[in-house]
Amino acid sequence: MGALRYSDEFKQETVRLFGTAGKSYKELGRELGVSGYSIRKWVLESQRRAANPNAVAEGEELRRLRRENRILREEREILRKAAAFFATDARSTL
């Protein structure tokens, strides 16, 4: 079975609870039915985001640009193959 996905709201609320409850990752995890390791990851990620808020936007932009780059490469390859096909076809009709 795959890993569970928790909503961003659940993660944010868990991080907030961790900051105010004074409990360990493991204790809070037991109460919420989440692994202490997951809570630790969410807390660290929250701290990283707070330290560098631009990193989130930059990461999203990087993902968008990589996707766009992949699509453009695929389109270029299709056009290259089409040009080669039509060039071969044009030569055979002469």
C-alpha atoms as a PDB file:
ATOM      1  CA  MET A   1       0.000   0.000   0.000  1.00  0.00           C
ATOM      2  CA  GLY A   2       1.303   3.513  -0.846  1.00  0.00           C
ATOM      3  CA  ALA A   3       2.142   6.280   1.574  1.00  0.00           C
ATOM      4  CA  LEU A   4      -0.713   8.343   2.969  1.00  0.00           C
ATOM      5  CA  ARG A   5      -1.114  11.912   1.720  1.00  0.00           C
ATOM      6  CA  TYR A   6      -2.089  14.528   4.256  1.00  0.00           C
ATOM      7  CA  SER A   7      -3.590  17.860   3.280  1.00  0.00           C
ATOM      8  CA  ASP A   8      -1.501  20.992   3.589  1.00  0.00           C
ATOM      9  CA  GLU A   9      -3.991  22.292   6.151  1.00  0.00           C
ATOM     10  CA  PHE A  10      -3.531  19.183   8.300  1.00  0.00           C
ATOM     11  CA  LYS A  11       0.255  19.520   8.116  1.00  0.00           C
ATOM     12  CA  GLN A  12       0.127  23.229   9.022  1.00  0.00           C
ATOM     13  CA  GLU A  13      -2.183  22.573  11.960  1.00  0.00           C
ATOM     14  CA  THR A  14       0.057  19.736  13.155  1.00  0.00           C
ATOM     15  CA  VAL A  15       3.119  22.006  12.995  1.00  0.00           C
ATOM     16  CA  ARG A  16       1.212  24.668  14.945  1.00  0.00           C
ATOM     17  CA  LEU A  17       0.176  22.079  17.537  1.00  0.00           C
ATOM     18  CA  PHE A  18       3.749  20.854  17.850  1.00  0.00           C
ATOM     19  CA  GLY A  19       4.889  24.408  18.583  1.00  0.00           C
ATOM     20  CA  THR A  20       2.284  24.958  21.290  1.00  0.00           C
ATOM     21  CA  ALA A  21       1.655  21.514  22.815  1.00  0.00           C
ATOM     22  CA  GLY A  22       5.135  20.998  24.269  1.00  0.00           C
ATOM     23  CA  LYS A  23       5.097  17.342  23.235  1.00  0.00           C
ATOM     24  CA  SER A  24       7.653  15.288  21.379  1.00  0.00           C
ATOM     25  CA  TYR A  25       7.188  14.347  17.743  1.00  0.00           C
ATOM     26  CA  LYS A  26       6.432  10.797  18.802  1.00  0.00           C
ATOM     27  CA  GLU A  27       3.867  11.783  21.463  1.00  0.00           C
ATOM     28  CA  LEU A  28       2.010  14.147  19.156  1.00  0.00           C
ATOM     29  CA  GLY A  29       2.182  11.599  16.355  1.00  0.00           C
ATOM     30  CA  ARG A  30       0.580   8.941  18.536  1.00  0.00           C
ATOM     31  CA  GLU A  31      -2.278  11.308  19.408  1.00  0.00           C
ATOM     32  CA  LEU A  32      -2.876  12.272  15.771  1.00  0.00           C
ATOM     33  CA  GLY A  33      -2.233   8.891  14.189  1.00  0.00           C
ATOM     34  CA  VAL A  34       0.803  10.156  12.281  1.00  0.00           C
ATOM     35  CA  SER A  35       4.410   9.048  12.517  1.00  0.00           C
ATOM     36  CA  GLY A  36       6.700  11.226  14.572  1.00  0.00           C
ATOM     37  CA  TYR A  37       9.086  11.216  11.610  1.00  0.00           C
ATOM     38  CA  SER A  38       6.429  12.817   9.378  1.00  0.00           C
ATOM     39  CA  ILE A  39       5.758  15.530  11.941  1.00  0.00           C
ATOM     40  CA  ARG A  40       9.495  16.212  12.236  1.00  0.00           C
ATOM     41  CA  LYS A  41       9.731  16.578   8.421  1.00  0.00           C
ATOM     42  CA  TRP A  42       6.775  18.980   8.369  1.00  0.00           C
ATOM     43  CA  VAL A  43       8.242  21.099  11.195  1.00  0.00           C
ATOM     44  CA  LEU A  44      11.644  21.301   9.478  1.00  0.00           C
ATOM     45  CA  GLU A  45      10.027  22.184   6.150  1.00  0.00           C
ATOM     46  CA  SER A  46       7.980  24.887   7.859  1.00  0.00           C
ATOM     47  CA  GLN A  47      11.154  26.311   9.405  1.00  0.00           C
ATOM     48  CA  ARG A  48      12.926  26.285   6.018  1.00  0.00           C
ATOM     49  CA  ARG A  49      10.009  28.098   4.403  1.00  0.00           C
ATOM     50  CA  ALA A  50       9.965  30.699   7.159  1.00  0.00           C
ATOM     51  CA  ALA A  51      13.711  31.254   6.760  1.00  0.00           C
ATOM     52  CA  ASN A  52      13.489  31.640   2.964  1.00  0.00           C
ATOM     53  CA  PRO A  53       9.966  32.410   1.740  1.00  0.00           C
ATOM     54  CA  ASN A  54      11.215  32.977  -1.828  1.00  0.00           C
ATOM     55  CA  ALA A  55      12.396  29.357  -2.034  1.00  0.00           C
ATOM     56  CA  VAL A  56       8.814  28.127  -2.385  1.00  0.00           C
ATOM     57  CA  ALA A  57       8.073  30.457  -5.299  1.00  0.00           C
ATOM     58  CA  GLU A  58      11.427  29.665  -6.899  1.00  0.00           C
ATOM     59  CA  GLY A  59      10.788  25.931  -6.567  1.00  0.00           C
ATOM     60  CA  GLU A  60       7.374  26.287  -8.204  1.00  0.00           C
ATOM     61  CA  GLU A  61       8.860  28.375 -11.019  1.00  0.00           C
ATOM     62  CA  LEU A  62      11.647  25.836 -11.530  1.00  0.00           C
ATOM     63  CA  ARG A  63       9.101  22.994 -11.804  1.00  0.00           C
ATOM     64  CA  ARG A  64       7.047  25.033 -14.284  1.00  0.00           C
ATOM     65  CA  LEU A  65      10.106  25.865 -16.392  1.00  0.00           C
ATOM     66  CA  ARG A  66      11.313  22.256 -16.408  1.00  0.00           C
ATOM     67  CA  ARG A  67       7.887  21.091 -17.565  1.00  0.00           C
ATOM     68  CA  GLU A  68       7.776  23.766 -20.260  1.00  0.00           C
ATOM     69  CA  ASN A  69      11.304  22.808 -21.367  1.00  0.00           C
ATOM     70  CA  ARG A  70      10.320  19.132 -21.606  1.00  0.00           C
ATOM     71  CA  ILE A  71       7.268  19.989 -23.714  1.00  0.00           C
ATOM     72  CA  LEU A  72       9.316  22.215 -26.030  1.00  0.00           C
ATOM     73  CA  ARG A  73      11.909  19.458 -26.517  1.00  0.00           C
ATOM     74  CA  GLU A  74       9.153  16.981 -27.376  1.00  0.00           C
ATOM     75  CA  GLU A  75       7.620  19.423 -29.851  1.00  0.00           C
ATOM     76  CA  ARG A  76      11.006  20.100 -31.446  1.00  0.00           C
ATOM     77  CA  GLU A  77      11.623  16.356 -31.834  1.00  0.00           C
ATOM     78  CA  ILE A  78       8.221  15.895 -33.488  1.00  0.00           C
ATOM     79  CA  LEU A  79       8.948  18.752 -35.905  1.00  0.00           C
ATOM     80  CA  ARG A  80      12.412  17.327 -36.687  1.00  0.00           C
ATOM     81  CA  LYS A  81      10.907  13.939 -37.527  1.00  0.00           C
ATOM     82  CA  ALA A  82       8.147  15.524 -39.621  1.00  0.00           C
ATOM     83  CA  ALA A  83      10.686  17.600 -41.572  1.00  0.00           C
ATOM     84  CA  ALA A  84      12.794  14.500 -42.224  1.00  0.00           C
ATOM     85  CA  PHE A  85       9.715  12.566 -43.344  1.00  0.00           C
ATOM     86  CA  PHE A  86       8.564  15.266 -45.747  1.00  0.00           C
ATOM     87  CA  ALA A  87      12.089  15.783 -47.096  1.00  0.00           C
ATOM     88  CA  THR A  88      12.329  12.061 -47.828  1.00  0.00           C
ATOM     89  CA  ASP A  89       8.846  12.038 -49.342  1.00  0.00           C
ATOM     90  CA  ALA A  90       9.616  15.064 -51.554  1.00  0.00           C
ATOM     91  CA  ARG A  91      12.789  13.398 -52.877  1.00  0.00           C
ATOM     92  CA  SER A  92      10.932  10.193 -53.738  1.00  0.00           C
ATOM     93  CA  THR A  93       8.326  12.048 -55.812  1.00  0.00           C
ATOM     94  CA  LEU A  94      10.953  13.774 -57.973  1.00  0.00           C
END
